[in-house]
Amino acid sequence: FGKYSREDNTLVMAFKSGSLAIKILSRNSNFSKTSVEGGPPPEQDIPLNIPKKTKLYVEQTQREKDHCVDMHRIFQRDLC
């Protein structure tokens, strides 16, 4: 880690295979500690309003389960 050519913040990695990787950090990078705590955002604890399953939805999913092979064949045929 250090200076490579004109760039000050670079990481040059040489691998066993002989390949070379160069990673350049942004000149505006700021590595000072902040007071932001890690972890999930507080919005994650708020429950979502999910609507109930309707009768039409339940019937449609049952129809798809019953005729899944036929539906897949028709889909594959339509792709050609």
C-alpha atoms as a PDB file:
ATOM      1  CA  PHE A   1       0.000   0.000   0.000  1.00  0.00           C
ATOM      2  CA  GLY A   2       1.426   3.371  -0.909  1.00  0.00           C
ATOM      3  CA  LYS A   3       2.312   5.499  -3.918  1.00  0.00           C
ATOM      4  CA  TYR A   4       2.159   4.016  -7.413  1.00  0.00           C
ATOM      5  CA  SER A   5       2.948   6.337 -10.310  1.00  0.00           C
ATOM      6  CA  ARG A   6       1.052   9.590  -9.651  1.00  0.00           C
ATOM      7  CA  GLU A   7      -1.532   8.037  -7.337  1.00  0.00           C
ATOM      8  CA  ASP A   8      -0.864   8.239  -3.608  1.00  0.00           C
ATOM      9  CA  ASN A   9      -3.293   5.631  -2.239  1.00  0.00           C
ATOM     10  CA  THR A  10      -2.849   2.411  -4.190  1.00  0.00           C
ATOM     11  CA  LEU A  11      -2.686  -1.263  -3.323  1.00  0.00           C
ATOM     12  CA  VAL A  12      -0.659  -3.459  -5.680  1.00  0.00           C
ATOM     13  CA  MET A  13      -1.134  -7.229  -5.382  1.00  0.00           C
ATOM     14  CA  ALA A  14       1.003  -9.862  -7.116  1.00  0.00           C
ATOM     15  CA  PHE A  15      -0.435 -13.380  -7.256  1.00  0.00           C
ATOM     16  CA  LYS A  16       1.263 -16.777  -7.543  1.00  0.00           C
ATOM     17  CA  SER A  17      -0.029 -17.143 -11.083  1.00  0.00           C
ATOM     18  CA  GLY A  18       1.958 -14.049 -12.095  1.00  0.00           C
ATOM     19  CA  SER A  19      -1.031 -11.781 -12.456  1.00  0.00           C
ATOM     20  CA  LEU A  20      -0.986  -8.284 -11.040  1.00  0.00           C
ATOM     21  CA  ALA A  21      -3.922  -6.392  -9.517  1.00  0.00           C
ATOM     22  CA  ILE A  22      -3.870  -2.678  -8.753  1.00  0.00           C
ATOM     23  CA  LYS A  23      -6.556  -1.081  -6.583  1.00  0.00           C
ATOM     24  CA  ILE A  24      -6.673   2.719  -6.402  1.00  0.00           C
ATOM     25  CA  LEU A  25      -8.520   4.511  -3.594  1.00  0.00           C
ATOM     26  CA  SER A  26     -10.395   7.706  -4.251  1.00  0.00           C
ATOM     27  CA  ARG A  27      -8.495  10.887  -3.495  1.00  0.00           C
ATOM     28  CA  ASN A  28     -11.437  12.092  -1.430  1.00  0.00           C
ATOM     29  CA  SER A  29     -11.491   9.037   0.866  1.00  0.00           C
ATOM     30  CA  ASN A  30     -12.050   9.853   4.512  1.00  0.00           C
ATOM     31  CA  PHE A  31     -10.939   7.245   7.052  1.00  0.00           C
ATOM     32  CA  SER A  32     -11.832   9.164  10.204  1.00  0.00           C
ATOM     33  CA  LYS A  33     -14.093   7.397  12.693  1.00  0.00           C
ATOM     34  CA  THR A  34     -17.735   8.359  12.673  1.00  0.00           C
ATOM     35  CA  SER A  35     -20.432   7.942  15.281  1.00  0.00           C
ATOM     36  CA  VAL A  36     -22.597   5.835  12.982  1.00  0.00           C
ATOM     37  CA  GLU A  37     -23.269   2.418  14.473  1.00  0.00           C
ATOM     38  CA  GLY A  38     -23.390  -0.681  12.301  1.00  0.00           C
ATOM     39  CA  GLY A  39     -26.231  -3.106  12.074  1.00  0.00           C
ATOM     40  CA  PRO A  40     -29.664  -3.111  10.536  1.00  0.00           C
ATOM     41  CA  PRO A  41     -31.574   0.143  10.116  1.00  0.00           C
ATOM     42  CA  PRO A  42     -34.306   0.930  12.662  1.00  0.00           C
ATOM     43  CA  GLU A  43     -36.958   0.745   9.901  1.00  0.00           C
ATOM     44  CA  GLN A  44     -36.414  -3.006   9.809  1.00  0.00           C
ATOM     45  CA  ASP A  45     -38.312  -3.440  13.088  1.00  0.00           C
ATOM     46  CA  ILE A  46     -41.516  -1.834  11.748  1.00  0.00           C
ATOM     47  CA  PRO A  47     -43.977  -4.526  10.565  1.00  0.00           C
ATOM     48  CA  LEU A  48     -45.342  -4.241   7.031  1.00  0.00           C
ATOM     49  CA  ASN A  49     -49.050  -4.213   6.251  1.00  0.00           C
ATOM     50  CA  ILE A  50     -49.394  -7.303   4.058  1.00  0.00           C
ATOM     51  CA  PRO A  51     -52.862  -7.887   2.604  1.00  0.00           C
ATOM     52  CA  LYS A  52     -54.644 -11.192   3.174  1.00  0.00           C
ATOM     53  CA  LYS A  53     -54.624 -13.812   0.431  1.00  0.00           C
ATOM     54  CA  THR A  54     -57.759 -13.495  -1.669  1.00  0.00           C
ATOM     55  CA  LYS A  55     -59.830 -16.413  -2.871  1.00  0.00           C
ATOM     56  CA  LEU A  56     -58.815 -15.640  -6.468  1.00  0.00           C
ATOM     57  CA  TYR A  57     -55.108 -15.814  -5.522  1.00  0.00           C
ATOM     58  CA  VAL A  58     -55.549 -19.151  -3.751  1.00  0.00           C
ATOM     59  CA  GLU A  59     -57.463 -20.611  -6.723  1.00  0.00           C
ATOM     60  CA  GLN A  60     -54.835 -19.374  -9.186  1.00  0.00           C
ATOM     61  CA  THR A  61     -51.938 -20.885  -7.217  1.00  0.00           C
ATOM     62  CA  GLN A  62     -53.791 -24.188  -6.924  1.00  0.00           C
ATOM     63  CA  ARG A  63     -54.417 -24.200 -10.693  1.00  0.00           C
ATOM     64  CA  GLU A  64     -50.703 -23.553 -11.315  1.00  0.00           C
ATOM     65  CA  LYS A  65     -49.744 -26.414  -8.983  1.00  0.00           C
ATOM     66  CA  ASP A  66     -52.163 -28.797 -10.704  1.00  0.00           C
ATOM     67  CA  HIS A  67     -51.112 -27.910 -14.270  1.00  0.00           C
ATOM     68  CA  CYS A  68     -47.440 -27.015 -13.764  1.00  0.00           C
ATOM     69  CA  VAL A  69     -46.063 -29.505 -16.326  1.00  0.00           C
ATOM     70  CA  ASP A  70     -48.464 -28.389 -19.058  1.00  0.00           C
ATOM     71  CA  MET A  71     -47.827 -24.721 -18.343  1.00  0.00           C
ATOM     72  CA  HIS A  72     -44.067 -25.258 -18.555  1.00  0.00           C
ATOM     73  CA  ARG A  73     -44.353 -27.126 -21.859  1.00  0.00           C
ATOM     74  CA  ILE A  74     -46.472 -24.348 -23.359  1.00  0.00           C
ATOM     75  CA  PHE A  75     -44.011 -21.739 -22.129  1.00  0.00           C
ATOM     76  CA  GLN A  76     -41.061 -23.627 -23.641  1.00  0.00           C
ATOM     77  CA  ARG A  77     -42.914 -24.104 -26.923  1.00  0.00           C
ATOM     78  CA  ASP A  78     -43.742 -20.381 -27.126  1.00  0.00           C
ATOM     79  CA  LEU A  79     -40.067 -19.482 -26.715  1.00  0.00           C
ATOM     80  CA  CYS A  80     -39.157 -21.228 -29.969  1.00  0.00           C
END
